[in-house]
Amino acid sequence: AAQGFRGTRLRAELRGLTILLILIICGKGCGAAKYFEGPYLVSTFSEKNGSITPSARVKRGEDLIIKIIPKPGYVIDRLKVDDYAVELTLNYVFKDVTSNHQISVFYKPILFANAGLHGSISPNGLLIKNNGSNQVFEIVPDLGYQLEELIVDSIKVDPVYQFTFQNIIETHSIKPTFKRRKLIRFGNSIGKIEDVSGILNIAAGMNHTIALKNDNSLIGWGKN
């Protein structure tokens, strides 16, 4: 009987020790769901044509504002959060953060096209282009004028009346300038090339109109 009593008492003491250990391990939160309080990592990625900040560690339940700044000549092409496309914005807000996140931004280029006086370029203005696309520009002088210079990305290139940007992945600019067309003036200065246009005086006292192409080749002429 004594042995049975001692065995019962030992088992009771063991149960008490087990309960005590459980209370020590669980603490006050024993029996309730435990959550990771953070911090959670919000990581950022930006292509070279812009910036995104900040990458940060955030406590549970906090908000984080992400700022995106494209370089001049670029706009946002795609914005992805945790591999899902989201609405394009320069300020993205992670609200009530409860997990890790990643945000990535990609850009596409702008083309700048404008013409000097006495001519036009088409299309004109700002053009947002998809990466890898092409763009053709047509240049047309006003009547009596011709292309003088063609400036592409601040560098003079051969003056052509049609210019193509191919496989566009960077921003570009194009600007043509114009000058009066060179025509042959007949009369006291036979054969002399001068910057004149329209009706040309002839020594005999009659007027003739000479029409030239953009390359200065003769289209035709006639007496008025």
C-alpha atoms as a PDB file:
ATOM      1  CA  ALA A   1       0.000   0.000   0.000  1.00  0.00           C
ATOM      2  CA  ALA A   2       2.872   2.344   0.847  1.00  0.00           C
ATOM      3  CA  GLN A   3       4.497   1.656  -2.472  1.00  0.00           C
ATOM      4  CA  GLY A   4       1.260   2.396  -4.303  1.00  0.00           C
ATOM      5  CA  PHE A   5       0.927   5.680  -2.448  1.00  0.00           C
ATOM      6  CA  ARG A   6       4.479   6.676  -3.269  1.00  0.00           C
ATOM      7  CA  GLY A   7       3.880   5.846  -6.992  1.00  0.00           C
ATOM      8  CA  THR A   8       0.718   7.938  -7.104  1.00  0.00           C
ATOM      9  CA  ARG A   9       2.496  10.841  -5.396  1.00  0.00           C
ATOM     10  CA  LEU A  10       5.424  10.634  -7.870  1.00  0.00           C
ATOM     11  CA  ARG A  11       3.111  10.721 -10.850  1.00  0.00           C
ATOM     12  CA  ALA A  12       1.327  13.753  -9.415  1.00  0.00           C
ATOM     13  CA  GLU A  13       4.630  15.533  -8.872  1.00  0.00           C
ATOM     14  CA  LEU A  14       5.666  14.777 -12.452  1.00  0.00           C
ATOM     15  CA  ARG A  15       2.397  16.155 -13.788  1.00  0.00           C
ATOM     16  CA  GLY A  16       2.940  19.300 -11.744  1.00  0.00           C
ATOM     17  CA  LEU A  17       6.440  19.729 -13.103  1.00  0.00           C
ATOM     18  CA  THR A  18       5.139  19.244 -16.659  1.00  0.00           C
ATOM     19  CA  ILE A  19       2.460  21.918 -16.190  1.00  0.00           C
ATOM     20  CA  LEU A  20       5.064  24.276 -14.695  1.00  0.00           C
ATOM     21  CA  LEU A  21       7.401  23.759 -17.653  1.00  0.00           C
ATOM     22  CA  ILE A  22       4.565  24.418 -20.090  1.00  0.00           C
ATOM     23  CA  LEU A  23       3.699  27.657 -18.312  1.00  0.00           C
ATOM     24  CA  ILE A  24       7.327  28.740 -18.318  1.00  0.00           C
ATOM     25  CA  ILE A  25       7.733  27.977 -22.028  1.00  0.00           C
ATOM     26  CA  CYS A  26       4.411  29.470 -23.176  1.00  0.00           C
ATOM     27  CA  GLY A  27       4.407  32.477 -20.896  1.00  0.00           C
ATOM     28  CA  LYS A  28       1.332  34.671 -20.798  1.00  0.00           C
ATOM     29  CA  GLY A  29       0.533  33.940 -24.445  1.00  0.00           C
ATOM     30  CA  CYS A  30       0.017  30.215 -23.967  1.00  0.00           C
ATOM     31  CA  GLY A  31      -3.218  29.114 -25.576  1.00  0.00           C
ATOM     32  CA  ALA A  32      -3.347  32.128 -27.950  1.00  0.00           C
ATOM     33  CA  ALA A  33      -2.050  32.319 -31.542  1.00  0.00           C
ATOM     34  CA  LYS A  34       1.415  33.859 -31.774  1.00  0.00           C
ATOM     35  CA  TYR A  35       2.345  36.168 -34.702  1.00  0.00           C
ATOM     36  CA  PHE A  36       5.721  37.198 -36.045  1.00  0.00           C
ATOM     37  CA  GLU A  37       6.027  40.856 -35.164  1.00  0.00           C
ATOM     38  CA  GLY A  38       8.599  41.607 -37.856  1.00  0.00           C
ATOM     39  CA  PRO A  39      10.451  43.451 -39.035  1.00  0.00           C
ATOM     40  CA  TYR A  40       9.399  42.526 -42.574  1.00  0.00           C
ATOM     41  CA  LEU A  41      11.651  43.261 -45.546  1.00  0.00           C
ATOM     42  CA  VAL A  42      10.350  45.400 -48.426  1.00  0.00           C
ATOM     43  CA  SER A  43      12.957  45.118 -51.188  1.00  0.00           C
ATOM     44  CA  THR A  44      13.090  47.309 -54.312  1.00  0.00           C
ATOM     45  CA  PHE A  45      14.502  46.984 -57.833  1.00  0.00           C
ATOM     46  CA  SER A  46      14.810  49.624 -60.569  1.00  0.00           C
ATOM     47  CA  GLU A  47      16.229  49.498 -64.060  1.00  0.00           C
ATOM     48  CA  LYS A  48      19.129  51.879 -64.770  1.00  0.00           C
ATOM     49  CA  ASN A  49      16.873  54.604 -66.212  1.00  0.00           C
ATOM     50  CA  GLY A  50      15.402  55.625 -62.883  1.00  0.00           C
ATOM     51  CA  SER A  51      15.500  55.107 -59.125  1.00  0.00           C
ATOM     52  CA  ILE A  52      13.255  53.652 -56.419  1.00  0.00           C
ATOM     53  CA  THR A  53      13.526  54.163 -52.648  1.00  0.00           C
ATOM     54  CA  PRO A  54      13.616  52.949 -49.996  1.00  0.00           C
ATOM     55  CA  SER A  55      14.350  49.285 -49.402  1.00  0.00           C
ATOM     56  CA  ALA A  56      13.420  48.947 -45.734  1.00  0.00           C
ATOM     57  CA  ARG A  57      12.490  46.715 -42.842  1.00  0.00           C
ATOM     58  CA  VAL A  58       9.016  47.449 -41.537  1.00  0.00           C
ATOM     59  CA  LYS A  59       7.290  46.524 -38.274  1.00  0.00           C
ATOM     60  CA  ARG A  60       4.045  44.598 -38.415  1.00  0.00           C
ATOM     61  CA  GLY A  61       1.065  46.809 -39.238  1.00  0.00           C
ATOM     62  CA  GLU A  62       3.114  49.792 -40.397  1.00  0.00           C
ATOM     63  CA  ASP A  63       2.827  51.542 -43.792  1.00  0.00           C
ATOM     64  CA  LEU A  64       5.684  52.252 -46.194  1.00  0.00           C
ATOM     65  CA  ILE A  65       5.697  54.769 -49.082  1.00  0.00           C
ATOM     66  CA  ILE A  66       7.877  53.881 -52.066  1.00  0.00           C
ATOM     67  CA  LYS A  67       9.034  56.746 -54.330  1.00  0.00           C
ATOM     68  CA  ILE A  68       9.902  56.193 -58.005  1.00  0.00           C
ATOM     69  CA  ILE A  69      11.853  58.772 -60.047  1.00  0.00           C
ATOM     70  CA  PRO A  70      12.456  58.126 -63.777  1.00  0.00           C
ATOM     71  CA  LYS A  71      15.485  59.811 -65.346  1.00  0.00           C
ATOM     72  CA  PRO A  72      14.774  62.703 -67.758  1.00  0.00           C
ATOM     73  CA  GLY A  73      13.603  61.262 -71.062  1.00  0.00           C
ATOM     74  CA  TYR A  74      11.929  58.190 -69.554  1.00  0.00           C
ATOM     75  CA  VAL A  75       8.549  57.190 -68.118  1.00  0.00           C
ATOM     76  CA  ILE A  76       7.382  54.173 -66.146  1.00  0.00           C
ATOM     77  CA  ASP A  77       6.617  51.221 -68.379  1.00  0.00           C
ATOM     78  CA  ARG A  78       5.745  48.503 -65.837  1.00  0.00           C
ATOM     79  CA  LEU A  79       5.384  48.324 -62.063  1.00  0.00           C
ATOM     80  CA  LYS A  80       5.282  44.929 -60.338  1.00  0.00           C
ATOM     81  CA  VAL A  81       4.617  44.080 -56.702  1.00  0.00           C
ATOM     82  CA  ASP A  82       5.356  40.496 -55.646  1.00  0.00           C
ATOM     83  CA  ASP A  83       5.456  39.531 -59.368  1.00  0.00           C
ATOM     84  CA  TYR A  84       1.994  41.035 -60.057  1.00  0.00           C
ATOM     85  CA  ALA A  85       1.464  44.060 -62.305  1.00  0.00           C
ATOM     86  CA  VAL A  86      -0.056  47.046 -60.494  1.00  0.00           C
ATOM     87  CA  GLU A  87      -1.255  50.490 -61.546  1.00  0.00           C
ATOM     88  CA  LEU A  88       1.535  52.832 -62.611  1.00  0.00           C
ATOM     89  CA  THR A  89       2.355  55.476 -60.030  1.00  0.00           C
ATOM     90  CA  LEU A  90       5.323  57.486 -58.792  1.00  0.00           C
ATOM     91  CA  ASN A  91       4.339  56.819 -55.162  1.00  0.00           C
ATOM     92  CA  TYR A  92       3.345  53.287 -54.170  1.00  0.00           C
ATOM     93  CA  VAL A  93       2.085  52.634 -50.629  1.00  0.00           C
ATOM     94  CA  PHE A  94       2.397  49.316 -48.785  1.00  0.00           C
ATOM     95  CA  LYS A  95      -0.361  49.465 -46.168  1.00  0.00           C
ATOM     96  CA  ASP A  96      -0.530  47.444 -42.933  1.00  0.00           C
ATOM     97  CA  VAL A  97       2.523  45.343 -43.752  1.00  0.00           C
ATOM     98  CA  THR A  98       2.246  41.749 -42.475  1.00  0.00           C
ATOM     99  CA  SER A  99       4.730  39.969 -44.754  1.00  0.00           C
ATOM    100  CA  ASN A 100       7.813  40.464 -46.898  1.00  0.00           C
ATOM    101  CA  HIS A 101       7.340  42.239 -50.253  1.00  0.00           C
ATOM    102  CA  GLN A 102       9.261  43.084 -53.411  1.00  0.00           C
ATOM    103  CA  ILE A 103       8.541  45.951 -55.810  1.00  0.00           C
ATOM    104  CA  SER A 104      10.168  46.327 -59.255  1.00  0.00           C
ATOM    105  CA  VAL A 105       9.948  49.156 -61.797  1.00  0.00           C
ATOM    106  CA  PHE A 106      10.811  49.239 -65.514  1.00  0.00           C
ATOM    107  CA  TYR A 107      10.974  52.204 -67.902  1.00  0.00           C
ATOM    108  CA  LYS A 108      10.498  53.123 -71.557  1.00  0.00           C
ATOM    109  CA  PRO A 109      12.042  56.022 -73.508  1.00  0.00           C
ATOM    110  CA  ILE A 110      10.706  59.306 -74.855  1.00  0.00           C
ATOM    111  CA  LEU A 111      11.676  60.753 -78.243  1.00  0.00           C
ATOM    112  CA  PHE A 112      11.849  64.552 -78.616  1.00  0.00           C
ATOM    113  CA  ALA A 113      11.244  65.934 -82.132  1.00  0.00           C
ATOM    114  CA  ASN A 114      10.979  69.577 -83.173  1.00  0.00           C
ATOM    115  CA  ALA A 115      11.889  71.584 -86.258  1.00  0.00           C
ATOM    116  CA  GLY A 116      13.467  74.976 -86.756  1.00  0.00           C
ATOM    117  CA  LEU A 117      11.824  77.794 -88.706  1.00  0.00           C
ATOM    118  CA  HIS A 118      10.736  77.307 -92.342  1.00  0.00           C
ATOM    119  CA  GLY A 119      10.018  73.598 -92.206  1.00  0.00           C
ATOM    120  CA  SER A 120       8.418  70.743 -90.286  1.00  0.00           C
ATOM    121  CA  ILE A 121       9.096  67.271 -88.927  1.00  0.00           C
ATOM    122  CA  SER A 122       6.475  64.559 -88.571  1.00  0.00           C
ATOM    123  CA  PRO A 123       5.641  63.254 -86.069  1.00  0.00           C
ATOM    124  CA  ASN A 124       6.418  66.252 -83.904  1.00  0.00           C
ATOM    125  CA  GLY A 125       6.705  66.720 -80.148  1.00  0.00           C
ATOM    126  CA  LEU A 126       7.115  64.068 -77.441  1.00  0.00           C
ATOM    127  CA  LEU A 127       6.678  60.417 -78.383  1.00  0.00           C
ATOM    128  CA  ILE A 128       6.646  57.632 -75.777  1.00  0.00           C
ATOM    129  CA  LYS A 129       8.025  54.465 -77.373  1.00  0.00           C
ATOM    130  CA  ASN A 130       8.035  50.802 -76.389  1.00  0.00           C
ATOM    131  CA  ASN A 131      11.458  49.289 -75.921  1.00  0.00           C
ATOM    132  CA  GLY A 132      12.754  47.700 -79.122  1.00  0.00           C
ATOM    133  CA  SER A 133      10.407  49.616 -81.430  1.00  0.00           C
ATOM    134  CA  ASN A 134      11.303  51.762 -84.476  1.00  0.00           C
ATOM    135  CA  GLN A 135      10.295  55.317 -85.401  1.00  0.00           C
ATOM    136  CA  VAL A 136      10.454  57.041 -88.791  1.00  0.00           C
ATOM    137  CA  PHE A 137      10.544  60.851 -89.092  1.00  0.00           C
ATOM    138  CA  GLU A 138       9.670  62.772 -92.267  1.00  0.00           C
ATOM    139  CA  ILE A 139      11.221  66.206 -92.770  1.00  0.00           C
ATOM    140  CA  VAL A 140       9.582  68.746 -95.110  1.00  0.00           C
ATOM    141  CA  PRO A 141      10.989  72.247 -95.825  1.00  0.00           C
ATOM    142  CA  ASP A 142       8.673  75.153 -96.581  1.00  0.00           C
ATOM    143  CA  LEU A 143       8.447  76.364-100.190  1.00  0.00           C
ATOM    144  CA  GLY A 144      11.710  78.043-101.152  1.00  0.00           C
ATOM    145  CA  TYR A 145      13.725  76.387 -98.372  1.00  0.00           C
ATOM    146  CA  GLN A 146      15.860  73.281 -97.992  1.00  0.00           C
ATOM    147  CA  LEU A 147      17.249  71.191 -95.170  1.00  0.00           C
ATOM    148  CA  GLU A 148      20.396  72.760 -93.725  1.00  0.00           C
ATOM    149  CA  GLU A 149      21.322  70.589 -90.732  1.00  0.00           C
ATOM    150  CA  LEU A 150      19.949  67.534 -88.968  1.00  0.00           C
ATOM    151  CA  ILE A 151      20.826  67.297 -85.279  1.00  0.00           C
ATOM    152  CA  VAL A 152      20.320  63.882 -83.643  1.00  0.00           C
ATOM    153  CA  ASP A 153      21.112  63.521 -79.940  1.00  0.00           C
ATOM    154  CA  SER A 154      23.004  66.850 -80.100  1.00  0.00           C
ATOM    155  CA  ILE A 155      25.247  65.581 -82.949  1.00  0.00           C
ATOM    156  CA  LYS A 156      25.156  66.672 -86.609  1.00  0.00           C
ATOM    157  CA  VAL A 157      24.360  63.824 -88.987  1.00  0.00           C
ATOM    158  CA  ASP A 158      23.905  63.664 -92.764  1.00  0.00           C
ATOM    159  CA  PRO A 159      20.957  65.943 -93.664  1.00  0.00           C
ATOM    160  CA  VAL A 160      18.351  63.489 -94.955  1.00  0.00           C
ATOM    161  CA  TYR A 161      14.639  64.050 -95.419  1.00  0.00           C
ATOM    162  CA  GLN A 162      13.693  60.767 -93.760  1.00  0.00           C
ATOM    163  CA  PHE A 163      15.372  59.503 -90.589  1.00  0.00           C
ATOM    164  CA  THR A 164      14.694  56.259 -88.695  1.00  0.00           C
ATOM    165  CA  PHE A 165      15.487  55.343 -85.089  1.00  0.00           C
ATOM    166  CA  GLN A 166      15.748  51.550 -84.878  1.00  0.00           C
ATOM    167  CA  ASN A 167      15.493  49.225 -81.864  1.00  0.00           C
ATOM    168  CA  ILE A 168      14.789  52.103 -79.488  1.00  0.00           C
ATOM    169  CA  ILE A 169      15.872  51.409 -75.906  1.00  0.00           C
ATOM    170  CA  GLU A 170      17.096  54.891 -74.938  1.00  0.00           C
ATOM    171  CA  THR A 171      15.788  58.431 -75.146  1.00  0.00           C
ATOM    172  CA  HIS A 172      16.596  60.384 -78.333  1.00  0.00           C
ATOM    173  CA  SER A 173      16.145  63.842 -79.822  1.00  0.00           C
ATOM    174  CA  ILE A 174      15.977  65.032 -83.421  1.00  0.00           C
ATOM    175  CA  LYS A 175      15.861  68.545 -84.848  1.00  0.00           C
ATOM    176  CA  PRO A 176      16.164  69.716 -88.470  1.00  0.00           C
ATOM    177  CA  THR A 177      17.062  73.302 -89.405  1.00  0.00           C
ATOM    178  CA  PHE A 178      16.394  74.960 -92.736  1.00  0.00           C
ATOM    179  CA  LYS A 179      17.841  77.615 -95.041  1.00  0.00           C
ATOM    180  CA  ARG A 180      16.770  79.357 -98.231  1.00  0.00           C
ATOM    181  CA  ARG A 181      17.112  77.159-101.275  1.00  0.00           C
ATOM    182  CA  LYS A 182      20.067  77.997-103.561  1.00  0.00           C
ATOM    183  CA  LEU A 183      18.937  78.940-107.083  1.00  0.00           C
ATOM    184  CA  ILE A 184      20.799  80.177-110.160  1.00  0.00           C
ATOM    185  CA  ARG A 185      20.339  83.884-110.758  1.00  0.00           C
ATOM    186  CA  PHE A 186      20.444  84.947-114.428  1.00  0.00           C
ATOM    187  CA  GLY A 187      21.326  88.453-115.576  1.00  0.00           C
ATOM    188  CA  ASN A 188      24.276  90.597-114.613  1.00  0.00           C
ATOM    189  CA  SER A 189      25.632  87.742-112.467  1.00  0.00           C
ATOM    190  CA  ILE A 190      25.284  84.866-114.925  1.00  0.00           C
ATOM    191  CA  GLY A 191      26.018  81.492-113.314  1.00  0.00           C
ATOM    192  CA  LYS A 192      26.493  82.880-109.824  1.00  0.00           C
ATOM    193  CA  ILE A 193      24.863  80.864-107.013  1.00  0.00           C
ATOM    194  CA  GLU A 194      22.981  82.999-104.519  1.00  0.00           C
ATOM    195  CA  ASP A 195      20.371  82.404-101.828  1.00  0.00           C
ATOM    196  CA  VAL A 196      17.344  83.643-103.734  1.00  0.00           C
ATOM    197  CA  SER A 197      13.940  82.167-104.476  1.00  0.00           C
ATOM    198  CA  GLY A 198      10.718  82.932-106.284  1.00  0.00           C
ATOM    199  CA  ILE A 199      10.781  85.103-109.460  1.00  0.00           C
ATOM    200  CA  LEU A 200      14.253  85.639-110.898  1.00  0.00           C
ATOM    201  CA  ASN A 201      15.252  88.675-112.964  1.00  0.00           C
ATOM    202  CA  ILE A 202      16.737  88.062-116.404  1.00  0.00           C
ATOM    203  CA  ALA A 203      18.879  90.668-118.186  1.00  0.00           C
ATOM    204  CA  ALA A 204      16.547  90.864-121.163  1.00  0.00           C
ATOM    205  CA  GLY A 205      13.881  92.265-118.860  1.00  0.00           C
ATOM    206  CA  MET A 206      11.622  89.215-118.813  1.00  0.00           C
ATOM    207  CA  ASN A 207      10.788  87.229-115.672  1.00  0.00           C
ATOM    208  CA  HIS A 208      11.148  83.441-115.396  1.00  0.00           C
ATOM    209  CA  THR A 209      10.191  81.100-112.552  1.00  0.00           C
ATOM    210  CA  ILE A 210      12.545  78.190-111.812  1.00  0.00           C
ATOM    211  CA  ALA A 211      11.335  75.237-109.743  1.00  0.00           C
ATOM    212  CA  LEU A 212      13.818  72.920-108.006  1.00  0.00           C
ATOM    213  CA  LYS A 213      13.540  69.690-106.060  1.00  0.00           C
ATOM    214  CA  ASN A 214      14.887  69.343-102.522  1.00  0.00           C
ATOM    215  CA  ASP A 215      18.225  68.158-103.947  1.00  0.00           C
ATOM    216  CA  ASN A 216      18.402  71.320-106.117  1.00  0.00           C
ATOM    217  CA  SER A 217      17.793  69.434-109.360  1.00  0.00           C
ATOM    218  CA  LEU A 218      15.615  71.285-111.873  1.00  0.00           C
ATOM    219  CA  ILE A 219      11.926  70.438-112.078  1.00  0.00           C
ATOM    220  CA  GLY A 220      11.180  73.036-114.764  1.00  0.00           C
ATOM    221  CA  TRP A 221      11.028  76.702-115.628  1.00  0.00           C
ATOM    222  CA  GLY A 222       8.839  79.025-117.636  1.00  0.00           C
ATOM    223  CA  LYS A 223       8.451  82.603-118.779  1.00  0.00           C
ATOM    224  CA  ASN A 224       5.878  84.745-116.957  1.00  0.00           C
END
